[in-house]
Amino acid sequence: MNHIFIYGPPGSGKTTVGYTLAQRLELPFIDLDRAIESNSGMTIQFIMDQQGELTFREMESAALQTVLNNEESVIALGGGSLLRDENRALAEERGRIILLHAEIETLLSRLDSDVNKRPLLIGDIRENLFRLLSTREAHYKSFPLSIQVDNKSISQIILEAQTVFGRFHLSNMGHYD
């Protein structure tokens, strides 16, 4: 079973791209952060505030292992979910990962409206995002499949992702992958 994983920094469009790609390929869509919230009955913000990042990362690892047992799907991962070697190894073993990459100004413009939903960016968003990207730069660059999303429509990004994966779903005269 080959899952498709959408990964990248906060604001890169993982959920939007993942959801739209899943629709195009007629596959189920899973947002790992929403799965964590559903499983725990708590928001990511609450988990991070009350139990800390380490507990959140444990929950994230457990949620990833659970969704990997589902049917083939498109999975939007949290921006730090593959920092753990075991999570990355699982994802690479069970599917293909594509990294969405964007310039900091693009990320900032997208994050401006929902910074309070992103615990690692609360406060000075520009400074915190710059620090987070600097810390994770080598990690993000280590993924061989990536798409630069700046100044592209969702349709352009999806077409590029489908081309990178070599996955298209045709349904004119029957259904074909």
N, C-alpha and C. Protein backbone atom coordinates (compact mmCIF):
# COMPACT_ATOMS: atom_id res chain seq x y z
N MET A 1 0.85 -1.18 0.00
CA MET A 1 0.00 0.00 0.00
C MET A 1 0.89 1.23 0.00
N ASN A 2 0.75 2.08 -0.99
CA ASN A 2 1.58 3.27 -1.11
C ASN A 2 0.79 4.53 -0.81
N HIS A 3 1.03 5.08 0.35
CA HIS A 3 0.41 6.35 0.72
C HIS A 3 1.17 7.48 0.03
N ILE A 4 0.52 8.62 -0.07
CA ILE A 4 1.16 9.83 -0.56
C ILE A 4 1.19 10.78 0.62
N PHE A 5 2.40 11.22 0.99
CA PHE A 5 2.58 12.12 2.13
C PHE A 5 2.92 13.51 1.62
N ILE A 6 2.20 14.50 2.15
CA ILE A 6 2.46 15.90 1.83
C ILE A 6 3.11 16.51 3.08
N TYR A 7 4.30 17.09 2.91
CA TYR A 7 5.09 17.55 4.04
C TYR A 7 5.66 18.92 3.73
N GLY A 8 6.02 19.66 4.75
CA GLY A 8 6.65 20.96 4.56
C GLY A 8 6.43 21.84 5.77
N PRO A 9 6.99 23.03 5.73
CA PRO A 9 6.89 23.94 6.87
C PRO A 9 5.47 24.48 7.05
N PRO A 10 5.19 25.06 8.20
CA PRO A 10 3.89 25.67 8.44
C PRO A 10 3.57 26.71 7.36
N GLY A 11 2.36 26.66 6.84
CA GLY A 11 1.93 27.64 5.84
C GLY A 11 2.25 27.27 4.41
N SER A 12 2.86 26.11 4.19
CA SER A 12 3.24 25.73 2.83
C SER A 12 2.06 25.18 2.02
N GLY A 13 0.95 24.88 2.68
CA GLY A 13 -0.24 24.44 1.97
C GLY A 13 -0.49 22.95 2.01
N LYS A 14 0.06 22.27 3.00
CA LYS A 14 -0.05 20.81 3.06
C LYS A 14 -1.49 20.32 3.07
N THR A 15 -2.33 20.92 3.88
CA THR A 15 -3.72 20.48 3.98
C THR A 15 -4.48 20.75 2.68
N THR A 16 -4.35 21.94 2.15
CA THR A 16 -5.05 22.30 0.91
C THR A 16 -4.60 21.43 -0.25
N VAL A 17 -3.29 21.27 -0.39
CA VAL A 17 -2.75 20.45 -1.47
C VAL A 17 -3.14 18.99 -1.27
N GLY A 18 -3.01 18.50 -0.05
CA GLY A 18 -3.35 17.11 0.23
C GLY A 18 -4.81 16.80 -0.06
N TYR A 19 -5.69 17.66 0.41
CA TYR A 19 -7.12 17.46 0.20
C TYR A 19 -7.46 17.47 -1.29
N THR A 20 -6.95 18.44 -2.02
CA THR A 20 -7.25 18.56 -3.44
C THR A 20 -6.65 17.41 -4.23
N LEU A 21 -5.42 17.02 -3.90
CA LEU A 21 -4.79 15.89 -4.57
C LEU A 21 -5.59 14.61 -4.32
N ALA A 22 -6.04 14.41 -3.09
CA ALA A 22 -6.84 13.23 -2.77
C ALA A 22 -8.12 13.20 -3.60
N GLN A 23 -8.76 14.35 -3.74
CA GLN A 23 -9.97 14.42 -4.57
C GLN A 23 -9.66 14.04 -6.01
N ARG A 24 -8.58 14.59 -6.54
CA ARG A 24 -8.21 14.31 -7.94
C ARG A 24 -7.91 12.83 -8.16
N LEU A 25 -7.29 12.20 -7.18
CA LEU A 25 -6.91 10.79 -7.32
C LEU A 25 -7.98 9.83 -6.78
N GLU A 26 -9.08 10.41 -6.29
CA GLU A 26 -10.15 9.63 -5.68
C GLU A 26 -9.63 8.70 -4.58
N LEU A 27 -8.83 9.30 -3.70
CA LEU A 27 -8.28 8.60 -2.54
C LEU A 27 -8.77 9.28 -1.26
N PRO A 28 -8.81 8.57 -0.15
CA PRO A 28 -9.15 9.22 1.12
C PRO A 28 -8.07 10.24 1.49
N PHE A 29 -8.47 11.28 2.22
CA PHE A 29 -7.54 12.29 2.70
C PHE A 29 -7.50 12.26 4.21
N ILE A 30 -6.29 12.33 4.77
CA ILE A 30 -6.10 12.38 6.22
C ILE A 30 -5.17 13.54 6.54
N ASP A 31 -5.62 14.39 7.43
CA ASP A 31 -4.77 15.45 7.98
C ASP A 31 -4.30 14.93 9.34
N LEU A 32 -3.01 14.66 9.48
CA LEU A 32 -2.50 14.02 10.70
C LEU A 32 -2.79 14.86 11.94
N ASP A 33 -2.70 16.18 11.85
CA ASP A 33 -3.00 17.01 13.01
C ASP A 33 -4.46 16.87 13.44
N ARG A 34 -5.38 16.81 12.46
CA ARG A 34 -6.79 16.64 12.80
C ARG A 34 -7.03 15.24 13.40
N ALA A 35 -6.29 14.24 12.93
CA ALA A 35 -6.40 12.90 13.49
C ALA A 35 -5.96 12.89 14.95
N ILE A 36 -4.89 13.61 15.26
CA ILE A 36 -4.41 13.71 16.64
C ILE A 36 -5.47 14.37 17.51
N GLU A 37 -6.04 15.46 17.01
CA GLU A 37 -7.08 16.17 17.78
C GLU A 37 -8.31 15.28 17.99
N SER A 38 -8.68 14.56 16.97
CA SER A 38 -9.84 13.66 17.07
C SER A 38 -9.59 12.53 18.06
N ASN A 39 -8.40 11.94 17.99
CA ASN A 39 -8.05 10.83 18.88
C ASN A 39 -7.95 11.26 20.34
N SER A 40 -7.42 12.46 20.56
CA SER A 40 -7.18 12.91 21.93
C SER A 40 -8.32 13.72 22.52
N GLY A 41 -9.18 14.27 21.65
CA GLY A 41 -10.24 15.14 22.14
C GLY A 41 -9.72 16.50 22.57
N MET A 42 -8.50 16.84 22.15
CA MET A 42 -7.88 18.11 22.51
C MET A 42 -7.31 18.77 21.26
N THR A 43 -7.19 20.10 21.29
CA THR A 43 -6.54 20.80 20.18
C THR A 43 -5.03 20.65 20.31
N ILE A 44 -4.35 20.83 19.20
CA ILE A 44 -2.88 20.80 19.21
C ILE A 44 -2.37 21.85 20.19
N GLN A 45 -2.96 23.05 20.13
CA GLN A 45 -2.57 24.14 21.03
C GLN A 45 -2.68 23.71 22.49
N PHE A 46 -3.78 23.09 22.86
CA PHE A 46 -3.99 22.66 24.23
C PHE A 46 -2.96 21.59 24.63
N ILE A 47 -2.73 20.64 23.76
CA ILE A 47 -1.75 19.58 24.04
C ILE A 47 -0.37 20.20 24.29
N MET A 48 0.03 21.10 23.40
CA MET A 48 1.34 21.73 23.53
C MET A 48 1.44 22.57 24.81
N ASP A 49 0.38 23.33 25.11
CA ASP A 49 0.37 24.18 26.30
C ASP A 49 0.37 23.37 27.59
N GLN A 50 -0.46 22.33 27.63
CA GLN A 50 -0.68 21.60 28.87
C GLN A 50 0.26 20.42 29.07
N GLN A 51 0.66 19.77 27.97
CA GLN A 51 1.45 18.55 28.10
C GLN A 51 2.83 18.64 27.46
N GLY A 52 3.05 19.69 26.68
CA GLY A 52 4.37 19.92 26.10
C GLY A 52 4.57 19.28 24.73
N GLU A 53 5.62 19.73 24.07
CA GLU A 53 5.90 19.27 22.72
C GLU A 53 6.27 17.79 22.69
N LEU A 54 6.98 17.30 23.68
CA LEU A 54 7.37 15.89 23.69
C LEU A 54 6.13 14.98 23.69
N THR A 55 5.13 15.30 24.51
CA THR A 55 3.90 14.52 24.52
C THR A 55 3.19 14.61 23.18
N PHE A 56 3.16 15.82 22.61
CA PHE A 56 2.54 15.98 21.29
C PHE A 56 3.24 15.11 20.26
N ARG A 57 4.56 15.10 20.27
CA ARG A 57 5.32 14.30 19.29
C ARG A 57 5.06 12.81 19.47
N GLU A 58 4.86 12.36 20.72
CA GLU A 58 4.50 10.96 20.96
C GLU A 58 3.13 10.65 20.36
N MET A 59 2.19 11.57 20.57
CA MET A 59 0.85 11.39 20.00
C MET A 59 0.90 11.39 18.48
N GLU A 60 1.76 12.23 17.94
CA GLU A 60 1.93 12.32 16.49
C GLU A 60 2.47 11.01 15.92
N SER A 61 3.46 10.44 16.58
CA SER A 61 4.02 9.16 16.15
C SER A 61 2.97 8.05 16.19
N ALA A 62 2.18 8.02 17.28
CA ALA A 62 1.12 7.01 17.40
C ALA A 62 0.07 7.19 16.32
N ALA A 63 -0.31 8.44 16.04
CA ALA A 63 -1.32 8.71 15.00
C ALA A 63 -0.79 8.30 13.63
N LEU A 64 0.47 8.56 13.37
CA LEU A 64 1.05 8.18 12.08
C LEU A 64 1.01 6.65 11.92
N GLN A 65 1.40 5.93 12.94
CA GLN A 65 1.37 4.46 12.87
C GLN A 65 -0.04 3.96 12.62
N THR A 66 -1.03 4.61 13.22
CA THR A 66 -2.42 4.20 13.04
C THR A 66 -2.89 4.44 11.61
N VAL A 67 -2.64 5.64 11.08
CA VAL A 67 -3.15 5.95 9.73
C VAL A 67 -2.45 5.13 8.66
N LEU A 68 -1.25 4.66 8.93
CA LEU A 68 -0.54 3.84 7.95
C LEU A 68 -1.21 2.48 7.76
N ASN A 69 -2.04 2.08 8.71
CA ASN A 69 -2.76 0.82 8.60
C ASN A 69 -4.04 0.95 7.78
N ASN A 70 -4.41 2.19 7.45
CA ASN A 70 -5.60 2.43 6.63
C ASN A 70 -5.31 2.13 5.17
N GLU A 71 -6.35 2.16 4.36
CA GLU A 71 -6.18 1.98 2.93
C GLU A 71 -5.32 3.11 2.36
N GLU A 72 -4.84 2.90 1.16
CA GLU A 72 -4.01 3.91 0.50
C GLU A 72 -4.71 5.27 0.58
N SER A 73 -3.97 6.30 0.97
CA SER A 73 -4.55 7.62 1.14
C SER A 73 -3.50 8.70 0.93
N VAL A 74 -3.99 9.93 0.87
CA VAL A 74 -3.13 11.10 0.84
C VAL A 74 -3.12 11.65 2.26
N ILE A 75 -1.93 11.82 2.82
CA ILE A 75 -1.80 12.22 4.22
C ILE A 75 -1.00 13.52 4.32
N ALA A 76 -1.64 14.55 4.89
CA ALA A 76 -0.95 15.81 5.17
C ALA A 76 -0.32 15.67 6.55
N LEU A 77 0.99 15.80 6.58
CA LEU A 77 1.75 15.65 7.82
C LEU A 77 2.01 17.01 8.45
N GLY A 78 2.15 17.04 9.77
CA GLY A 78 2.55 18.26 10.44
C GLY A 78 3.98 18.62 10.04
N GLY A 79 4.32 19.89 10.13
CA GLY A 79 5.61 20.39 9.67
C GLY A 79 6.83 19.84 10.38
N GLY A 80 6.64 19.15 11.50
CA GLY A 80 7.76 18.55 12.21
C GLY A 80 7.60 17.06 12.42
N SER A 81 6.59 16.47 11.81
CA SER A 81 6.29 15.07 12.08
C SER A 81 7.35 14.09 11.61
N LEU A 82 8.16 14.48 10.64
CA LEU A 82 9.21 13.57 10.16
C LEU A 82 10.59 13.91 10.71
N LEU A 83 10.63 14.76 11.72
CA LEU A 83 11.89 15.05 12.40
C LEU A 83 12.40 13.82 13.15
N ARG A 84 11.47 13.00 13.61
CA ARG A 84 11.85 11.74 14.27
C ARG A 84 12.24 10.75 13.19
N ASP A 85 13.40 10.15 13.35
CA ASP A 85 13.89 9.20 12.35
C ASP A 85 12.93 8.05 12.12
N GLU A 86 12.31 7.54 13.20
CA GLU A 86 11.41 6.40 13.04
C GLU A 86 10.16 6.77 12.25
N ASN A 87 9.67 8.02 12.40
CA ASN A 87 8.51 8.46 11.62
C ASN A 87 8.87 8.59 10.15
N ARG A 88 10.03 9.15 9.89
CA ARG A 88 10.46 9.30 8.50
C ARG A 88 10.65 7.93 7.85
N ALA A 89 11.28 7.02 8.57
CA ALA A 89 11.50 5.68 8.02
C ALA A 89 10.17 4.98 7.71
N LEU A 90 9.19 5.13 8.59
CA LEU A 90 7.87 4.55 8.36
C LEU A 90 7.23 5.14 7.12
N ALA A 91 7.27 6.46 7.01
CA ALA A 91 6.65 7.13 5.85
C ALA A 91 7.35 6.72 4.56
N GLU A 92 8.66 6.65 4.57
CA GLU A 92 9.40 6.28 3.36
C GLU A 92 9.14 4.81 2.99
N GLU A 93 8.93 3.99 3.99
CA GLU A 93 8.67 2.57 3.74
C GLU A 93 7.26 2.34 3.19
N ARG A 94 6.32 3.16 3.63
CA ARG A 94 4.90 2.93 3.31
C ARG A 94 4.34 3.86 2.24
N GLY A 95 5.19 4.70 1.64
CA GLY A 95 4.69 5.59 0.60
C GLY A 95 5.76 6.50 0.07
N ARG A 96 5.30 7.58 -0.53
CA ARG A 96 6.21 8.58 -1.10
C ARG A 96 5.88 9.92 -0.48
N ILE A 97 6.93 10.69 -0.24
CA ILE A 97 6.81 11.98 0.44
C ILE A 97 7.15 13.08 -0.55
N ILE A 98 6.32 14.11 -0.57
CA ILE A 98 6.66 15.29 -1.35
C ILE A 98 6.67 16.48 -0.40
N LEU A 99 7.72 17.26 -0.50
CA LEU A 99 7.88 18.44 0.34
C LEU A 99 7.38 19.66 -0.41
N LEU A 100 6.54 20.46 0.24
CA LEU A 100 6.12 21.73 -0.31
C LEU A 100 7.04 22.80 0.26
N HIS A 101 7.62 23.58 -0.62
CA HIS A 101 8.59 24.59 -0.20
C HIS A 101 8.10 25.97 -0.62
N ALA A 102 8.26 26.96 0.25
CA ALA A 102 7.86 28.33 -0.06
C ALA A 102 8.83 29.30 0.59
N GLU A 103 8.94 30.46 -0.01
CA GLU A 103 9.75 31.53 0.57
C GLU A 103 9.10 32.02 1.86
N ILE A 104 9.89 32.60 2.73
CA ILE A 104 9.39 33.02 4.04
C ILE A 104 8.26 34.05 3.90
N GLU A 105 8.33 34.95 2.93
CA GLU A 105 7.27 35.95 2.77
C GLU A 105 5.94 35.29 2.40
N THR A 106 5.99 34.26 1.58
CA THR A 106 4.77 33.52 1.24
C THR A 106 4.20 32.85 2.48
N LEU A 107 5.07 32.20 3.25
CA LEU A 107 4.62 31.53 4.48
C LEU A 107 4.01 32.54 5.45
N LEU A 108 4.68 33.67 5.62
CA LEU A 108 4.18 34.69 6.55
C LEU A 108 2.81 35.20 6.13
N SER A 109 2.62 35.44 4.84
CA SER A 109 1.32 35.95 4.39
C SER A 109 0.22 34.91 4.61
N ARG A 110 0.54 33.64 4.47
CA ARG A 110 -0.45 32.59 4.69
C ARG A 110 -0.73 32.36 6.18
N LEU A 111 0.30 32.54 7.01
CA LEU A 111 0.17 32.26 8.44
C LEU A 111 -0.41 33.41 9.23
N ASP A 112 -0.42 34.59 8.63
CA ASP A 112 -0.83 35.79 9.34
C ASP A 112 -2.19 35.65 10.01
N SER A 113 -3.12 34.99 9.34
CA SER A 113 -4.48 34.91 9.86
C SER A 113 -4.69 33.80 10.90
N ASP A 114 -3.80 32.82 10.97
CA ASP A 114 -4.05 31.74 11.92
C ASP A 114 -2.84 31.37 12.77
N VAL A 115 -2.04 32.35 13.12
CA VAL A 115 -0.85 32.08 13.93
C VAL A 115 -1.19 31.48 15.28
N ASN A 116 -2.35 31.81 15.84
CA ASN A 116 -2.71 31.29 17.16
C ASN A 116 -2.99 29.80 17.14
N LYS A 117 -3.17 29.21 15.97
CA LYS A 117 -3.38 27.78 15.86
C LYS A 117 -2.06 27.04 15.72
N ARG A 118 -0.96 27.76 15.73
CA ARG A 118 0.35 27.16 15.50
C ARG A 118 1.24 27.46 16.70
N PRO A 119 1.26 26.55 17.66
CA PRO A 119 1.93 26.79 18.94
C PRO A 119 3.41 27.18 18.83
N LEU A 120 4.13 26.64 17.86
CA LEU A 120 5.56 26.94 17.76
C LEU A 120 5.82 28.32 17.18
N LEU A 121 4.76 29.01 16.73
CA LEU A 121 4.95 30.33 16.10
C LEU A 121 4.35 31.46 16.90
N ILE A 122 3.75 31.18 18.05
CA ILE A 122 3.11 32.23 18.85
C ILE A 122 4.15 33.23 19.32
N GLY A 123 3.77 34.50 19.26
CA GLY A 123 4.67 35.59 19.61
C GLY A 123 5.05 36.33 18.34
N ASP A 124 6.31 36.64 18.20
CA ASP A 124 6.81 37.32 17.00
C ASP A 124 6.88 36.28 15.87
N ILE A 125 5.86 36.27 15.04
CA ILE A 125 5.75 35.22 14.03
C ILE A 125 6.93 35.21 13.07
N ARG A 126 7.38 36.40 12.65
CA ARG A 126 8.50 36.46 11.71
C ARG A 126 9.76 35.85 12.33
N GLU A 127 10.06 36.25 13.53
CA GLU A 127 11.25 35.74 14.22
C GLU A 127 11.13 34.24 14.48
N ASN A 128 9.97 33.81 14.97
CA ASN A 128 9.78 32.39 15.29
C ASN A 128 9.80 31.52 14.04
N LEU A 129 9.19 32.00 12.95
CA LEU A 129 9.21 31.23 11.71
C LEU A 129 10.63 31.16 11.15
N PHE A 130 11.34 32.27 11.18
CA PHE A 130 12.72 32.28 10.69
C PHE A 130 13.57 31.30 11.49
N ARG A 131 13.41 31.28 12.81
CA ARG A 131 14.17 30.38 13.67
C ARG A 131 13.81 28.92 13.35
N LEU A 132 12.52 28.64 13.21
CA LEU A 132 12.07 27.29 12.91
C LEU A 132 12.62 26.82 11.57
N LEU A 133 12.54 27.67 10.56
CA LEU A 133 13.05 27.30 9.23
C LEU A 133 14.57 27.12 9.25
N SER A 134 15.27 27.94 9.98
CA SER A 134 16.72 27.80 10.08
C SER A 134 17.09 26.47 10.74
N THR A 135 16.37 26.13 11.79
CA THR A 135 16.62 24.88 12.51
C THR A 135 16.33 23.66 11.64
N ARG A 136 15.30 23.76 10.81
CA ARG A 136 14.87 22.61 10.00
C ARG A 136 15.36 22.65 8.55
N GLU A 137 16.17 23.61 8.20
CA GLU A 137 16.58 23.78 6.80
C GLU A 137 17.20 22.52 6.20
N ALA A 138 18.18 21.95 6.86
CA ALA A 138 18.84 20.74 6.33
C ALA A 138 17.85 19.58 6.25
N HIS A 139 16.99 19.48 7.24
CA HIS A 139 15.97 18.42 7.25
C HIS A 139 15.07 18.55 6.03
N TYR A 140 14.50 19.73 5.82
CA TYR A 140 13.59 19.92 4.68
C TYR A 140 14.31 19.70 3.35
N LYS A 141 15.56 20.13 3.25
CA LYS A 141 16.31 19.97 2.00
C LYS A 141 16.67 18.51 1.72
N SER A 142 16.55 17.65 2.72
CA SER A 142 16.94 16.25 2.54
C SER A 142 15.90 15.42 1.80
N PHE A 143 14.75 15.99 1.51
CA PHE A 143 13.70 15.25 0.80
C PHE A 143 13.88 15.44 -0.71
N PRO A 144 14.03 14.34 -1.44
CA PRO A 144 14.34 14.44 -2.87
C PRO A 144 13.19 14.97 -3.73
N LEU A 145 11.95 14.74 -3.31
CA LEU A 145 10.81 15.23 -4.09
C LEU A 145 10.27 16.49 -3.44
N SER A 146 10.28 17.59 -4.19
CA SER A 146 9.77 18.83 -3.63
C SER A 146 9.14 19.68 -4.72
N ILE A 147 8.26 20.55 -4.28
CA ILE A 147 7.60 21.50 -5.17
C ILE A 147 7.70 22.87 -4.55
N GLN A 148 8.16 23.82 -5.32
CA GLN A 148 8.16 25.23 -4.91
C GLN A 148 6.75 25.75 -5.16
N VAL A 149 6.08 26.26 -4.14
CA VAL A 149 4.67 26.63 -4.27
C VAL A 149 4.43 28.13 -4.45
N ASP A 150 5.46 28.94 -4.33
CA ASP A 150 5.29 30.39 -4.45
C ASP A 150 4.68 30.76 -5.79
N ASN A 151 3.70 31.67 -5.74
CA ASN A 151 3.08 32.25 -6.94
C ASN A 151 2.47 31.22 -7.88
N LYS A 152 2.04 30.09 -7.34
CA LYS A 152 1.37 29.07 -8.15
C LYS A 152 -0.05 28.87 -7.64
N SER A 153 -0.95 28.59 -8.56
CA SER A 153 -2.32 28.27 -8.17
C SER A 153 -2.34 26.85 -7.62
N ILE A 154 -3.42 26.53 -6.92
CA ILE A 154 -3.56 25.17 -6.40
C ILE A 154 -3.58 24.17 -7.55
N SER A 155 -4.20 24.53 -8.66
CA SER A 155 -4.24 23.62 -9.82
C SER A 155 -2.85 23.34 -10.36
N GLN A 156 -2.01 24.38 -10.41
CA GLN A 156 -0.63 24.19 -10.89
C GLN A 156 0.15 23.28 -9.94
N ILE A 157 -0.03 23.49 -8.65
CA ILE A 157 0.68 22.68 -7.65
C ILE A 157 0.23 21.22 -7.74
N ILE A 158 -1.07 21.01 -7.86
CA ILE A 158 -1.60 19.64 -7.94
C ILE A 158 -1.09 18.94 -9.19
N LEU A 159 -1.11 19.63 -10.32
CA LEU A 159 -0.61 19.03 -11.57
C LEU A 159 0.86 18.67 -11.42
N GLU A 160 1.63 19.54 -10.81
CA GLU A 160 3.05 19.26 -10.59
C GLU A 160 3.23 18.06 -9.66
N ALA A 161 2.42 17.98 -8.59
CA ALA A 161 2.50 16.84 -7.67
C ALA A 161 2.13 15.55 -8.39
N GLN A 162 1.07 15.59 -9.18
CA GLN A 162 0.67 14.39 -9.92
C GLN A 162 1.77 13.96 -10.89
N THR A 163 2.42 14.92 -11.51
CA THR A 163 3.50 14.61 -12.44
C THR A 163 4.69 14.01 -11.70
N VAL A 164 5.04 14.58 -10.55
CA VAL A 164 6.15 14.06 -9.75
C VAL A 164 5.87 12.62 -9.33
N PHE A 165 4.62 12.36 -8.89
CA PHE A 165 4.26 11.01 -8.45
C PHE A 165 3.93 10.08 -9.61
N GLY A 166 3.68 10.66 -10.78
CA GLY A 166 3.25 9.84 -11.91
C GLY A 166 1.88 9.23 -11.67
N ARG A 167 1.02 9.97 -10.97
CA ARG A 167 -0.31 9.47 -10.60
C ARG A 167 -1.39 10.40 -11.15
N PHE A 168 -2.24 9.83 -11.98
CA PHE A 168 -3.39 10.55 -12.50
C PHE A 168 -4.58 9.61 -12.42
N HIS A 169 -5.74 10.15 -12.25
CA HIS A 169 -6.95 9.32 -12.22
C HIS A 169 -7.87 9.82 -13.32
N LEU A 170 -8.17 8.95 -14.26
CA LEU A 170 -9.05 9.30 -15.37
C LEU A 170 -10.39 8.60 -15.17
N SER A 171 -11.46 9.30 -15.43
CA SER A 171 -12.76 8.67 -15.20
C SER A 171 -13.77 8.98 -16.31
N ASN A 172 -13.32 9.14 -17.52
CA ASN A 172 -14.22 9.45 -18.62
C ASN A 172 -15.02 8.22 -19.04
N MET A 173 -14.34 7.16 -19.36
CA MET A 173 -15.00 5.94 -19.78
C MET A 173 -14.56 4.81 -18.85
N GLY A 174 -15.00 4.89 -17.63
CA GLY A 174 -14.53 3.97 -16.61
C GLY A 174 -13.50 4.69 -15.76
N HIS A 175 -12.97 4.02 -14.78
CA HIS A 175 -11.97 4.64 -13.90
C HIS A 175 -10.60 4.00 -14.13
N TYR A 176 -9.60 4.84 -14.31
CA TYR A 176 -8.25 4.38 -14.57
C TYR A 176 -7.26 5.18 -13.74
N ASP A 177 -6.28 4.52 -13.19
CA ASP A 177 -5.17 5.21 -12.53
C ASP A 177 -3.96 5.14 -13.43
